[in-house]
């Protein structure tokens, strides 16, 4: 398996290249794919499944049993 890790940033590297503040050759090397994942504020339907996944993962690693009541899930 070949794996490549790309750095992430909240800055617009294309804009920085255009302004001369970021090296164009370096940008070309790290810009293989652009992947944008909206924040959970824009994906609220994903919160509960992510919560369930993390609780199950925690339980499998530690043996602890964690549950959230309905009120906590709505928060």
N, C-alpha and C. Protein backbone atom coordinates (compact mmCIF):
# COMPACT_ATOMS: atom_id res chain seq x y z
N UNK A 1 0.84 -1.17 0.00
CA UNK A 1 0.00 0.00 0.00
C UNK A 1 0.89 1.23 0.00
N UNK A 2 0.57 2.15 -0.86
CA UNK A 2 1.26 3.43 -0.90
C UNK A 2 0.33 4.47 -0.28
N UNK A 3 0.86 5.23 0.65
CA UNK A 3 0.05 6.20 1.37
C UNK A 3 0.74 7.55 1.32
N UNK A 4 -0.03 8.56 1.05
CA UNK A 4 0.50 9.91 1.02
C UNK A 4 -0.35 10.80 1.92
N UNK A 5 0.29 11.58 2.74
CA UNK A 5 -0.42 12.48 3.64
C UNK A 5 -0.20 13.91 3.19
N UNK A 6 -1.27 14.64 3.07
CA UNK A 6 -1.17 16.04 2.68
C UNK A 6 -1.48 16.93 3.87
N UNK A 7 -0.77 18.01 3.99
CA UNK A 7 -1.07 18.94 5.09
C UNK A 7 -2.41 19.62 4.88
N UNK A 8 -2.96 20.10 5.96
CA UNK A 8 -4.21 20.85 5.87
C UNK A 8 -4.00 22.24 6.43
N UNK A 9 -4.83 23.13 5.98
CA UNK A 9 -4.75 24.50 6.46
C UNK A 9 -6.11 25.16 6.28
N UNK A 10 -6.35 26.18 7.05
CA UNK A 10 -7.58 26.95 6.88
C UNK A 10 -7.34 28.13 5.94
N UNK A 11 -6.10 28.30 5.52
CA UNK A 11 -5.77 29.39 4.60
C UNK A 11 -5.96 28.94 3.15
N UNK A 12 -6.25 29.87 2.30
CA UNK A 12 -6.41 29.60 0.88
C UNK A 12 -5.03 29.66 0.23
N UNK A 13 -4.44 28.48 0.02
CA UNK A 13 -3.09 28.44 -0.52
C UNK A 13 -3.01 28.99 -1.94
N UNK A 14 -4.07 28.78 -2.73
CA UNK A 14 -4.07 29.34 -4.09
C UNK A 14 -3.94 30.86 -4.03
N UNK A 15 -4.66 31.47 -3.09
CA UNK A 15 -4.59 32.92 -2.93
C UNK A 15 -3.19 33.34 -2.48
N UNK A 16 -2.61 32.58 -1.56
CA UNK A 16 -1.26 32.91 -1.08
C UNK A 16 -0.24 32.78 -2.20
N UNK A 17 -0.40 31.78 -3.07
CA UNK A 17 0.49 31.65 -4.23
C UNK A 17 0.34 32.87 -5.13
N UNK A 18 -0.90 33.27 -5.39
CA UNK A 18 -1.16 34.44 -6.25
C UNK A 18 -0.54 35.71 -5.67
N UNK A 19 -0.51 35.80 -4.34
CA UNK A 19 0.06 36.98 -3.67
C UNK A 19 1.57 36.88 -3.50
N UNK A 20 2.14 35.73 -3.90
CA UNK A 20 3.58 35.54 -3.74
C UNK A 20 4.00 35.21 -2.33
N UNK A 21 3.07 34.76 -1.50
CA UNK A 21 3.36 34.45 -0.10
C UNK A 21 3.55 32.96 0.15
N UNK A 22 3.34 32.14 -0.88
CA UNK A 22 3.53 30.69 -0.77
C UNK A 22 4.15 30.21 -2.07
N UNK A 23 5.13 29.31 -1.97
CA UNK A 23 5.85 28.84 -3.15
C UNK A 23 4.94 28.04 -4.08
N UNK A 24 4.92 28.43 -5.34
CA UNK A 24 4.08 27.75 -6.33
C UNK A 24 4.50 26.30 -6.54
N UNK A 25 5.81 26.02 -6.56
CA UNK A 25 6.27 24.64 -6.76
C UNK A 25 5.87 23.74 -5.60
N UNK A 26 5.90 24.28 -4.39
CA UNK A 26 5.48 23.49 -3.23
C UNK A 26 3.98 23.25 -3.26
N UNK A 27 3.23 24.26 -3.64
CA UNK A 27 1.77 24.11 -3.76
C UNK A 27 1.43 23.03 -4.78
N UNK A 28 2.14 23.00 -5.91
CA UNK A 28 1.88 21.99 -6.94
C UNK A 28 2.15 20.59 -6.42
N UNK A 29 3.15 20.44 -5.56
CA UNK A 29 3.48 19.11 -5.01
C UNK A 29 2.44 18.62 -4.00
N UNK A 30 1.89 19.51 -3.20
CA UNK A 30 0.96 19.07 -2.15
C UNK A 30 -0.50 19.12 -2.58
N UNK A 31 -0.79 19.78 -3.69
CA UNK A 31 -2.17 19.94 -4.11
C UNK A 31 -2.58 18.84 -5.10
N UNK A 32 -2.64 17.60 -4.62
CA UNK A 32 -3.06 16.49 -5.47
C UNK A 32 -4.57 16.42 -5.56
N UNK A 33 -5.22 16.54 -4.43
CA UNK A 33 -6.68 16.56 -4.37
C UNK A 33 -7.09 17.62 -3.37
N UNK A 34 -8.19 18.25 -3.64
CA UNK A 34 -8.76 19.19 -2.68
C UNK A 34 -10.02 18.57 -2.14
N UNK A 35 -10.09 18.45 -0.84
CA UNK A 35 -11.22 17.82 -0.17
C UNK A 35 -11.72 18.79 0.88
N UNK A 36 -12.96 19.17 0.78
CA UNK A 36 -13.55 20.10 1.75
C UNK A 36 -14.65 19.38 2.50
N UNK A 37 -14.53 19.36 3.80
CA UNK A 37 -15.54 18.75 4.65
C UNK A 37 -16.19 19.86 5.46
N UNK A 38 -17.46 20.15 5.21
CA UNK A 38 -18.13 21.21 5.96
C UNK A 38 -18.15 20.88 7.46
N UNK A 39 -18.17 21.90 8.27
CA UNK A 39 -18.24 21.72 9.71
C UNK A 39 -19.56 21.09 10.14
N UNK A 40 -19.60 20.60 11.36
CA UNK A 40 -20.82 19.95 11.86
C UNK A 40 -22.00 20.90 11.94
N UNK A 41 -21.76 22.19 12.00
CA UNK A 41 -22.89 23.14 11.97
C UNK A 41 -23.68 23.01 10.68
N UNK A 42 -22.98 22.68 9.59
CA UNK A 42 -23.65 22.50 8.31
C UNK A 42 -24.10 21.05 8.08
N UNK A 43 -23.69 20.14 8.97
CA UNK A 43 -24.03 18.72 8.81
C UNK A 43 -24.60 18.17 10.12
N UNK A 44 -25.58 18.83 10.67
CA UNK A 44 -26.09 18.43 11.98
C UNK A 44 -26.63 17.01 12.01
N UNK A 45 -27.08 16.50 10.86
CA UNK A 45 -27.59 15.12 10.81
C UNK A 45 -26.47 14.10 11.04
N UNK A 46 -25.21 14.53 10.95
CA UNK A 46 -24.08 13.62 11.16
C UNK A 46 -23.64 13.55 12.62
N UNK A 47 -24.14 14.43 13.46
CA UNK A 47 -23.67 14.49 14.84
C UNK A 47 -23.99 13.21 15.60
N UNK A 48 -25.24 12.78 15.57
CA UNK A 48 -25.63 11.60 16.35
C UNK A 48 -24.91 10.33 15.88
N UNK A 49 -24.83 10.05 14.57
CA UNK A 49 -24.06 8.86 14.16
C UNK A 49 -22.59 8.93 14.57
N UNK A 50 -22.00 10.13 14.51
CA UNK A 50 -20.61 10.27 14.95
C UNK A 50 -20.48 10.05 16.45
N UNK A 51 -21.42 10.55 17.21
CA UNK A 51 -21.43 10.33 18.65
C UNK A 51 -21.51 8.84 18.95
N UNK A 52 -22.43 8.14 18.28
CA UNK A 52 -22.58 6.70 18.50
C UNK A 52 -21.29 5.95 18.15
N UNK A 53 -20.67 6.32 17.04
CA UNK A 53 -19.42 5.68 16.63
C UNK A 53 -18.33 5.87 17.68
N UNK A 54 -18.16 7.10 18.14
CA UNK A 54 -17.10 7.38 19.11
C UNK A 54 -17.36 6.70 20.45
N UNK A 55 -18.63 6.62 20.87
CA UNK A 55 -18.97 5.93 22.12
C UNK A 55 -18.64 4.45 21.99
N UNK A 56 -19.00 3.83 20.86
CA UNK A 56 -18.70 2.42 20.65
C UNK A 56 -17.19 2.18 20.58
N UNK A 57 -16.48 3.08 19.93
CA UNK A 57 -15.02 2.94 19.83
C UNK A 57 -14.38 3.04 21.22
N UNK A 58 -14.84 4.00 22.01
CA UNK A 58 -14.33 4.15 23.37
C UNK A 58 -14.60 2.89 24.19
N UNK A 59 -15.82 2.36 24.06
CA UNK A 59 -16.18 1.15 24.81
C UNK A 59 -15.31 -0.03 24.41
N UNK A 60 -15.03 -0.17 23.12
CA UNK A 60 -14.22 -1.31 22.67
C UNK A 60 -12.77 -1.18 23.13
N UNK A 61 -12.29 0.04 23.29
CA UNK A 61 -10.91 0.24 23.73
C UNK A 61 -10.75 0.13 25.24
N UNK A 62 -11.76 0.58 25.98
CA UNK A 62 -11.62 0.66 27.44
C UNK A 62 -12.47 -0.33 28.21
N UNK A 63 -13.49 -0.88 27.56
CA UNK A 63 -14.42 -1.75 28.27
C UNK A 63 -15.47 -0.98 29.05
N UNK A 64 -15.42 0.34 29.00
CA UNK A 64 -16.40 1.18 29.69
C UNK A 64 -17.72 1.19 28.92
N UNK A 65 -18.79 1.38 29.64
CA UNK A 65 -20.09 1.52 29.01
C UNK A 65 -20.55 2.96 29.22
N UNK A 66 -20.71 3.68 28.13
CA UNK A 66 -21.12 5.08 28.20
C UNK A 66 -22.41 5.23 27.44
N UNK A 67 -23.35 5.95 28.02
CA UNK A 67 -24.62 6.21 27.34
C UNK A 67 -24.97 7.68 27.52
N UNK A 68 -25.66 8.23 26.54
CA UNK A 68 -26.14 9.60 26.60
C UNK A 68 -27.66 9.56 26.61
N UNK A 69 -28.26 10.27 27.56
CA UNK A 69 -29.72 10.29 27.60
C UNK A 69 -30.26 11.19 26.48
N UNK A 70 -31.57 11.16 26.30
CA UNK A 70 -32.20 11.90 25.20
C UNK A 70 -31.90 13.39 25.28
N UNK A 71 -31.93 13.95 26.49
CA UNK A 71 -31.66 15.38 26.65
C UNK A 71 -30.24 15.73 26.22
N UNK A 72 -29.28 14.90 26.59
CA UNK A 72 -27.88 15.14 26.20
C UNK A 72 -27.72 15.04 24.69
N UNK A 73 -28.42 14.10 24.06
CA UNK A 73 -28.32 13.94 22.60
C UNK A 73 -28.91 15.13 21.87
N UNK A 74 -29.95 15.76 22.43
CA UNK A 74 -30.56 16.93 21.78
C UNK A 74 -29.68 18.16 21.90
N UNK A 75 -28.85 18.21 22.94
CA UNK A 75 -27.99 19.38 23.15
C UNK A 75 -26.98 19.45 22.04
